[in-house]
Amino acid sequence: KNDRSPHYGYRFPPEIISYAVWAYHRFCLSFRDVEDLLAERGITVSYEAIRILCQKFGPDYARRLKRRQAGLAMLDLDEVFIRINGQQQYLWRAVDEDGDVIDILVQPRRDQ
């Protein structure tokens, strides 16, 4: 079994690699923007090195970000039976995680 870190053999520690790749994918920055961001923190790395790191480690980070963002879009769907002018109607409400109503639909029949 190989217990080596996937970052083994790279010039920068895993924290810097992770930060560079995360910033590139999370904020859709250019390699040069990430280079400038790291330079502000006293880390000298070329945009070409960032490109190589993003090519190597990027797909995994991007997959994790998408998975996390997909979980943020969860909505609850409420169904309420109401009467309007004596007719039973179905009121559907899409509610986000904060309890705010996103959308409302009223219809005469219950369907999928």
Protein backbone atom coordinates (compact mmCIF):
# COMPACT_ATOMS: atom_id res chain seq x y z
CA LYS A 1 0.00 0.00 0.00
CA ASN A 2 1.27 3.47 -0.92
CA ASP A 3 0.79 5.88 2.02
CA ARG A 4 2.38 8.86 0.28
CA SER A 5 0.41 12.08 -0.01
CA PRO A 6 -0.69 12.96 -3.55
CA HIS A 7 1.24 16.21 -2.98
CA TYR A 8 4.51 14.35 -2.37
CA GLY A 9 7.35 15.58 -4.53
CA TYR A 10 5.93 19.02 -5.21
CA ARG A 11 7.83 22.14 -4.22
CA PHE A 12 4.98 23.65 -2.21
CA PRO A 13 3.27 22.21 0.85
CA PRO A 14 -0.21 20.72 0.46
CA GLU A 15 -1.86 23.78 2.07
CA ILE A 16 -0.52 26.12 -0.61
CA ILE A 17 -1.35 23.72 -3.43
CA SER A 18 -4.85 23.26 -2.07
CA TYR A 19 -5.37 27.00 -1.68
CA ALA A 20 -4.18 27.78 -5.22
CA VAL A 21 -6.32 25.09 -6.84
CA TRP A 22 -9.31 25.96 -4.64
CA ALA A 23 -9.09 29.69 -5.49
CA TYR A 24 -8.78 28.95 -9.20
CA HIS A 25 -11.87 26.71 -9.27
CA ARG A 26 -13.98 28.41 -6.63
CA PHE A 27 -13.75 31.96 -7.97
CA CYS A 28 -13.06 31.21 -11.67
CA LEU A 29 -9.80 33.15 -11.53
CA SER A 30 -7.09 33.07 -14.16
CA PHE A 31 -3.75 31.44 -13.38
CA ARG A 32 -2.19 34.91 -13.28
CA ASP A 33 -4.83 36.10 -10.81
CA VAL A 34 -4.01 33.18 -8.52
CA GLU A 35 -0.32 33.98 -8.96
CA ASP A 36 -1.01 37.58 -7.81
CA LEU A 37 -3.16 36.37 -4.92
CA LEU A 38 -0.36 34.14 -3.65
CA ALA A 39 2.25 36.87 -4.23
CA GLU A 40 0.25 39.16 -1.91
CA ARG A 41 0.74 36.50 0.76
CA GLY A 42 4.49 36.32 0.13
CA ILE A 43 4.40 33.10 -1.90
CA THR A 44 6.31 33.20 -5.18
CA VAL A 45 4.90 30.78 -7.70
CA SER A 46 4.58 31.13 -11.47
CA TYR A 47 1.26 30.98 -13.26
CA GLU A 48 2.63 28.01 -15.22
CA ALA A 49 3.20 26.09 -11.98
CA ILE A 50 -0.37 26.93 -10.95
CA ARG A 51 -1.61 25.63 -14.31
CA ILE A 52 0.22 22.33 -13.74
CA LEU A 53 -1.14 22.04 -10.18
CA CYS A 54 -4.68 22.78 -11.36
CA GLN A 55 -4.34 20.21 -14.12
CA LYS A 56 -3.18 17.57 -11.63
CA PHE A 57 -5.39 18.33 -8.61
CA GLY A 58 -8.19 20.38 -10.17
CA PRO A 59 -10.67 17.67 -11.18
CA ASP A 60 -10.91 16.39 -7.61
CA TYR A 61 -11.41 19.88 -6.15
CA ALA A 62 -13.96 20.82 -8.81
CA ARG A 63 -15.90 17.61 -8.15
CA ARG A 64 -16.01 18.34 -4.42
CA LEU A 65 -17.11 21.94 -5.00
CA LYS A 66 -19.93 20.84 -7.30
CA ARG A 67 -21.06 18.24 -4.79
CA ARG A 68 -21.10 20.86 -2.04
CA GLN A 69 -22.95 23.42 -4.17
CA ALA A 70 -25.53 20.85 -5.22
CA GLY A 71 -26.38 20.32 -1.55
CA LEU A 72 -26.93 24.05 -1.07
CA ALA A 73 -29.73 24.14 -3.61
CA MET A 74 -32.01 21.86 -1.60
CA LEU A 75 -35.63 22.99 -1.44
CA ASP A 76 -38.62 21.68 0.45
CA LEU A 77 -41.94 21.35 -1.33
CA ASP A 78 -45.05 22.03 0.75
CA GLU A 79 -48.50 20.92 -0.35
CA VAL A 80 -51.63 22.50 1.11
CA PHE A 81 -55.29 21.82 0.30
CA ILE A 82 -57.30 25.05 0.08
CA ARG A 83 -60.80 26.09 -1.08
CA ILE A 84 -61.22 28.95 -3.50
CA ASN A 85 -64.85 29.83 -4.39
CA GLY A 86 -65.93 26.46 -3.02
CA GLN A 87 -63.53 24.50 -5.23
CA GLN A 88 -60.73 22.47 -3.70
CA GLN A 89 -57.35 23.60 -4.99
CA TYR A 90 -53.82 22.42 -4.37
CA LEU A 91 -51.28 25.00 -3.24
CA TRP A 92 -47.64 24.06 -3.76
CA ARG A 93 -44.85 26.11 -2.22
CA ALA A 94 -41.11 25.75 -2.81
CA VAL A 95 -39.33 26.75 0.41
CA ASP A 96 -35.57 27.17 0.79
CA GLU A 97 -33.47 26.16 3.81
CA ASP A 98 -34.12 29.52 5.51
CA GLY A 99 -37.88 29.11 5.26
CA ASP A 100 -38.29 31.71 2.51
CA VAL A 101 -40.91 30.95 -0.14
CA ILE A 102 -39.25 30.71 -3.55
CA ASP A 103 -42.27 29.91 -5.73
CA ILE A 104 -45.99 29.19 -5.44
CA LEU A 105 -48.29 27.15 -7.69
CA VAL A 106 -52.06 26.76 -7.35
CA GLN A 107 -53.80 24.14 -9.47
CA PRO A 108 -57.17 22.37 -9.46
CA ARG A 109 -55.84 18.83 -9.59
CA ARG A 110 -53.09 16.98 -7.81
CA ASP A 111 -50.47 15.67 -10.21
CA GLN A 112 -46.79 15.06 -10.28
